[in-house]
Amino acid sequence: MAWIVLVLSGLLETAWAIALDRSAGFTRPVPAVVFVITLVLSMIGLGYALREIPVGTGYVVWVGIGAVGTALVGMVALGESANLLRLLSLLLVIAGVVGLKVFS
């Protein structure tokens, strides 16, 4: 159960990062509220997961999911560059996260 909560919390990290960007410095209320809600839920989930998962592994998995998810949303939906080196870099992040999970 802890791993499922951790993955969902990582996806919520993607949501709050995108909402933060869309809030335009907290000048747009709806994205700002989405940011706060998803941030709090993501942190609660991370805290719950860390009761069973080692902090180093849990935190890196959470950040990795959030970072890769945010980068992919940026590339797919927000028009950010999706060149080969960026995609390879994301694969390296994924490989590192998987490695920490497998070897923990």
N, C-alpha and C. Protein backbone atom coordinates (compact mmCIF):
# COMPACT_ATOMS: atom_id res chain seq x y z
N MET A 1 0.82 -1.20 0.00
CA MET A 1 0.00 0.00 0.00
C MET A 1 0.86 1.26 0.00
N ALA A 2 1.97 1.24 0.72
CA ALA A 2 2.84 2.42 0.80
C ALA A 2 3.36 2.81 -0.58
N TRP A 3 3.69 1.81 -1.41
CA TRP A 3 4.22 2.13 -2.74
C TRP A 3 3.15 2.75 -3.63
N ILE A 4 1.93 2.27 -3.52
CA ILE A 4 0.83 2.86 -4.30
C ILE A 4 0.62 4.32 -3.89
N VAL A 5 0.60 4.57 -2.60
CA VAL A 5 0.43 5.93 -2.09
C VAL A 5 1.60 6.81 -2.55
N LEU A 6 2.80 6.26 -2.54
CA LEU A 6 3.97 7.03 -2.97
C LEU A 6 3.87 7.42 -4.45
N VAL A 7 3.47 6.48 -5.28
CA VAL A 7 3.32 6.78 -6.71
C VAL A 7 2.24 7.83 -6.93
N LEU A 8 1.11 7.68 -6.26
CA LEU A 8 0.05 8.69 -6.39
C LEU A 8 0.52 10.06 -5.89
N SER A 9 1.30 10.07 -4.83
CA SER A 9 1.84 11.33 -4.31
C SER A 9 2.81 11.96 -5.30
N GLY A 10 3.59 11.13 -6.00
CA GLY A 10 4.47 11.64 -7.04
C GLY A 10 3.69 12.25 -8.19
N LEU A 11 2.57 11.62 -8.55
CA LEU A 11 1.72 12.20 -9.61
C LEU A 11 1.10 13.52 -9.15
N LEU A 12 0.75 13.59 -7.87
CA LEU A 12 0.24 14.85 -7.32
C LEU A 12 1.33 15.93 -7.33
N GLU A 13 2.58 15.52 -7.21
CA GLU A 13 3.67 16.50 -7.31
C GLU A 13 3.68 17.12 -8.70
N THR A 14 3.47 16.29 -9.72
CA THR A 14 3.36 16.82 -11.08
C THR A 14 2.21 17.82 -11.16
N ALA A 15 1.08 17.46 -10.58
CA ALA A 15 -0.10 18.34 -10.62
C ALA A 15 0.18 19.68 -9.95
N TRP A 16 0.84 19.64 -8.77
CA TRP A 16 1.06 20.93 -8.10
C TRP A 16 2.11 21.77 -8.82
N ALA A 17 3.08 21.13 -9.44
CA ALA A 17 4.08 21.90 -10.18
C ALA A 17 3.44 22.62 -11.37
N ILE A 18 2.58 21.92 -12.09
CA ILE A 18 1.90 22.53 -13.24
C ILE A 18 0.94 23.61 -12.76
N ALA A 19 0.21 23.34 -11.68
CA ALA A 19 -0.71 24.35 -11.13
C ALA A 19 0.05 25.59 -10.67
N LEU A 20 1.22 25.39 -10.08
CA LEU A 20 2.03 26.53 -9.65
C LEU A 20 2.41 27.39 -10.84
N ASP A 21 2.84 26.75 -11.92
CA ASP A 21 3.16 27.50 -13.14
C ASP A 21 1.94 28.25 -13.66
N ARG A 22 0.81 27.59 -13.70
CA ARG A 22 -0.42 28.18 -14.24
C ARG A 22 -1.00 29.26 -13.33
N SER A 23 -0.59 29.29 -12.07
CA SER A 23 -1.13 30.31 -11.16
C SER A 23 -0.55 31.70 -11.43
N ALA A 24 0.49 31.76 -12.27
CA ALA A 24 1.12 33.04 -12.64
C ALA A 24 1.48 33.85 -11.39
N GLY A 25 2.26 33.21 -10.52
CA GLY A 25 2.69 33.90 -9.31
C GLY A 25 1.55 34.13 -8.34
N PHE A 26 0.63 33.19 -8.28
CA PHE A 26 -0.54 33.24 -7.39
C PHE A 26 -1.49 34.39 -7.73
N THR A 27 -1.50 34.82 -8.97
CA THR A 27 -2.43 35.88 -9.39
C THR A 27 -3.70 35.30 -9.99
N ARG A 28 -3.72 34.00 -10.26
CA ARG A 28 -4.91 33.33 -10.80
C ARG A 28 -5.42 32.38 -9.72
N PRO A 29 -6.62 32.64 -9.19
CA PRO A 29 -7.07 31.91 -8.01
C PRO A 29 -7.31 30.41 -8.20
N VAL A 30 -7.88 29.98 -9.31
CA VAL A 30 -8.18 28.55 -9.47
C VAL A 30 -6.90 27.71 -9.49
N PRO A 31 -5.92 28.04 -10.34
CA PRO A 31 -4.69 27.24 -10.28
C PRO A 31 -3.97 27.35 -8.93
N ALA A 32 -4.08 28.49 -8.27
CA ALA A 32 -3.45 28.65 -6.96
C ALA A 32 -4.09 27.72 -5.93
N VAL A 33 -5.41 27.58 -5.97
CA VAL A 33 -6.10 26.67 -5.05
C VAL A 33 -5.75 25.22 -5.39
N VAL A 34 -5.72 24.89 -6.68
CA VAL A 34 -5.32 23.54 -7.09
C VAL A 34 -3.91 23.24 -6.60
N PHE A 35 -3.01 24.22 -6.71
CA PHE A 35 -1.64 24.07 -6.22
C PHE A 35 -1.64 23.70 -4.74
N VAL A 36 -2.33 24.47 -3.92
CA VAL A 36 -2.32 24.26 -2.48
C VAL A 36 -2.89 22.88 -2.13
N ILE A 37 -4.01 22.53 -2.73
CA ILE A 37 -4.65 21.24 -2.42
C ILE A 37 -3.76 20.08 -2.83
N THR A 38 -3.22 20.13 -4.05
CA THR A 38 -2.40 19.01 -4.51
C THR A 38 -1.07 18.94 -3.76
N LEU A 39 -0.53 20.09 -3.37
CA LEU A 39 0.70 20.10 -2.58
C LEU A 39 0.48 19.43 -1.23
N VAL A 40 -0.59 19.81 -0.56
CA VAL A 40 -0.87 19.24 0.76
C VAL A 40 -1.12 17.74 0.65
N LEU A 41 -1.92 17.32 -0.32
CA LEU A 41 -2.19 15.89 -0.49
C LEU A 41 -0.93 15.11 -0.84
N SER A 42 -0.08 15.70 -1.67
CA SER A 42 1.17 15.05 -2.05
C SER A 42 2.07 14.86 -0.83
N MET A 43 2.17 15.87 0.01
CA MET A 43 3.00 15.78 1.21
C MET A 43 2.44 14.78 2.22
N ILE A 44 1.13 14.76 2.36
CA ILE A 44 0.51 13.79 3.27
C ILE A 44 0.80 12.37 2.78
N GLY A 45 0.66 12.15 1.48
CA GLY A 45 0.95 10.84 0.93
C GLY A 45 2.40 10.44 1.09
N LEU A 46 3.30 11.38 0.85
CA LEU A 46 4.72 11.11 1.04
C LEU A 46 4.99 10.73 2.50
N GLY A 47 4.45 11.50 3.40
CA GLY A 47 4.64 11.20 4.83
C GLY A 47 4.11 9.83 5.21
N TYR A 48 2.96 9.48 4.68
CA TYR A 48 2.38 8.16 4.94
C TYR A 48 3.30 7.05 4.41
N ALA A 49 3.74 7.21 3.16
CA ALA A 49 4.58 6.19 2.53
C ALA A 49 5.90 6.01 3.26
N LEU A 50 6.45 7.10 3.79
CA LEU A 50 7.75 7.02 4.46
C LEU A 50 7.67 6.29 5.80
N ARG A 51 6.48 5.95 6.26
CA ARG A 51 6.38 5.12 7.45
C ARG A 51 6.87 3.71 7.18
N GLU A 52 6.83 3.28 5.91
CA GLU A 52 7.24 1.92 5.55
C GLU A 52 8.42 1.87 4.58
N ILE A 53 8.64 2.94 3.86
CA ILE A 53 9.70 2.98 2.84
C ILE A 53 10.85 3.82 3.37
N PRO A 54 12.10 3.38 3.18
CA PRO A 54 13.24 4.19 3.63
C PRO A 54 13.19 5.59 3.01
N VAL A 55 13.55 6.59 3.80
CA VAL A 55 13.40 7.98 3.37
C VAL A 55 14.18 8.28 2.09
N GLY A 56 15.40 7.78 1.96
CA GLY A 56 16.18 8.06 0.76
C GLY A 56 15.51 7.52 -0.49
N THR A 57 15.05 6.29 -0.42
CA THR A 57 14.38 5.67 -1.55
C THR A 57 13.05 6.35 -1.83
N GLY A 58 12.26 6.53 -0.80
CA GLY A 58 10.93 7.13 -0.97
C GLY A 58 10.99 8.53 -1.54
N TYR A 59 11.89 9.32 -1.03
CA TYR A 59 11.98 10.71 -1.50
C TYR A 59 12.43 10.77 -2.95
N VAL A 60 13.41 9.95 -3.31
CA VAL A 60 13.90 9.97 -4.69
C VAL A 60 12.82 9.48 -5.65
N VAL A 61 12.09 8.45 -5.28
CA VAL A 61 11.01 7.97 -6.13
C VAL A 61 9.95 9.05 -6.29
N TRP A 62 9.56 9.69 -5.21
CA TRP A 62 8.56 10.76 -5.24
C TRP A 62 9.02 11.91 -6.13
N VAL A 63 10.23 12.37 -5.93
CA VAL A 63 10.77 13.47 -6.74
C VAL A 63 10.91 13.03 -8.19
N GLY A 64 11.38 11.81 -8.41
CA GLY A 64 11.57 11.34 -9.78
C GLY A 64 10.26 11.30 -10.55
N ILE A 65 9.21 10.76 -9.92
CA ILE A 65 7.91 10.73 -10.58
C ILE A 65 7.44 12.14 -10.87
N GLY A 66 7.57 13.02 -9.90
CA GLY A 66 7.13 14.41 -10.09
C GLY A 66 7.93 15.12 -11.17
N ALA A 67 9.24 14.93 -11.16
CA ALA A 67 10.09 15.62 -12.14
C ALA A 67 9.84 15.10 -13.55
N VAL A 68 9.82 13.79 -13.71
CA VAL A 68 9.58 13.22 -15.04
C VAL A 68 8.18 13.56 -15.51
N GLY A 69 7.21 13.43 -14.63
CA GLY A 69 5.82 13.77 -14.99
C GLY A 69 5.68 15.22 -15.41
N THR A 70 6.30 16.12 -14.65
CA THR A 70 6.21 17.54 -14.98
C THR A 70 6.89 17.83 -16.31
N ALA A 71 8.05 17.24 -16.53
CA ALA A 71 8.75 17.45 -17.80
C ALA A 71 7.93 16.91 -18.97
N LEU A 72 7.32 15.75 -18.80
CA LEU A 72 6.50 15.18 -19.88
C LEU A 72 5.27 16.03 -20.17
N VAL A 73 4.60 16.52 -19.13
CA VAL A 73 3.46 17.41 -19.35
C VAL A 73 3.92 18.66 -20.08
N GLY A 74 5.08 19.19 -19.68
CA GLY A 74 5.61 20.36 -20.37
C GLY A 74 5.85 20.10 -21.84
N MET A 75 6.39 18.93 -22.14
CA MET A 75 6.67 18.60 -23.54
C MET A 75 5.40 18.31 -24.34
N VAL A 76 4.49 17.54 -23.76
CA VAL A 76 3.30 17.09 -24.50
C VAL A 76 2.24 18.19 -24.58
N ALA A 77 2.01 18.89 -23.47
CA ALA A 77 0.87 19.81 -23.43
C ALA A 77 1.24 21.28 -23.46
N LEU A 78 2.47 21.61 -23.11
CA LEU A 78 2.81 23.02 -22.98
C LEU A 78 3.83 23.51 -24.00
N GLY A 79 4.16 22.68 -24.95
CA GLY A 79 5.02 23.10 -26.05
C GLY A 79 6.50 23.22 -25.72
N GLU A 80 6.94 22.60 -24.64
CA GLU A 80 8.36 22.63 -24.33
C GLU A 80 9.11 21.68 -25.26
N SER A 81 10.38 21.92 -25.43
CA SER A 81 11.21 21.13 -26.32
C SER A 81 11.21 19.66 -25.90
N ALA A 82 11.13 18.79 -26.89
CA ALA A 82 11.17 17.34 -26.63
C ALA A 82 12.28 16.72 -27.47
N ASN A 83 13.44 17.33 -27.43
CA ASN A 83 14.54 16.81 -28.25
C ASN A 83 15.13 15.53 -27.65
N LEU A 84 15.95 14.88 -28.43
CA LEU A 84 16.49 13.57 -28.05
C LEU A 84 17.26 13.62 -26.74
N LEU A 85 18.08 14.64 -26.53
CA LEU A 85 18.87 14.71 -25.29
C LEU A 85 17.98 14.88 -24.06
N ARG A 86 16.92 15.65 -24.18
CA ARG A 86 15.99 15.79 -23.05
C ARG A 86 15.31 14.47 -22.74
N LEU A 87 14.89 13.76 -23.78
CA LEU A 87 14.23 12.48 -23.57
C LEU A 87 15.18 11.45 -22.98
N LEU A 88 16.42 11.44 -23.46
CA LEU A 88 17.41 10.53 -22.88
C LEU A 88 17.70 10.88 -21.43
N SER A 89 17.73 12.15 -21.11
CA SER A 89 17.94 12.57 -19.73
C SER A 89 16.80 12.09 -18.83
N LEU A 90 15.57 12.18 -19.32
CA LEU A 90 14.45 11.67 -18.54
C LEU A 90 14.56 10.16 -18.34
N LEU A 91 15.03 9.45 -19.35
CA LEU A 91 15.24 8.00 -19.20
C LEU A 91 16.29 7.70 -18.14
N LEU A 92 17.30 8.55 -18.04
CA LEU A 92 18.31 8.37 -16.99
C LEU A 92 17.71 8.57 -15.60
N VAL A 93 16.84 9.56 -15.47
CA VAL A 93 16.16 9.78 -14.19
C VAL A 93 15.33 8.54 -13.84
N ILE A 94 14.57 8.05 -14.82
CA ILE A 94 13.75 6.86 -14.59
C ILE A 94 14.62 5.67 -14.19
N ALA A 95 15.74 5.49 -14.89
CA ALA A 95 16.64 4.38 -14.56
C ALA A 95 17.17 4.50 -13.14
N GLY A 96 17.49 5.70 -12.72
CA GLY A 96 17.97 5.91 -11.35
C GLY A 96 16.90 5.60 -10.33
N VAL A 97 15.67 6.02 -10.58
CA VAL A 97 14.57 5.75 -9.65
C VAL A 97 14.31 4.25 -9.57
N VAL A 98 14.27 3.59 -10.72
CA VAL A 98 14.05 2.14 -10.72
C VAL A 98 15.19 1.43 -10.00
N GLY A 99 16.42 1.88 -10.24
CA GLY A 99 17.56 1.28 -9.58
C GLY A 99 17.47 1.39 -8.07
N LEU A 100 17.06 2.55 -7.57
CA LEU A 100 16.92 2.70 -6.12
C LEU A 100 15.83 1.80 -5.57
N LYS A 101 14.75 1.64 -6.31
CA LYS A 101 13.67 0.76 -5.85
C LYS A 101 14.15 -0.70 -5.85
N VAL A 102 14.79 -1.12 -6.93
CA VAL A 102 15.20 -2.51 -7.05
C VAL A 102 16.27 -2.88 -6.03
N PHE A 103 17.20 -1.97 -5.79
CA PHE A 103 18.35 -2.30 -4.93
C PHE A 103 18.19 -1.81 -3.50
N SER A 104 16.97 -1.42 -3.11
CA SER A 104 16.77 -0.99 -1.73
C SER A 104 16.37 -2.13 -0.83
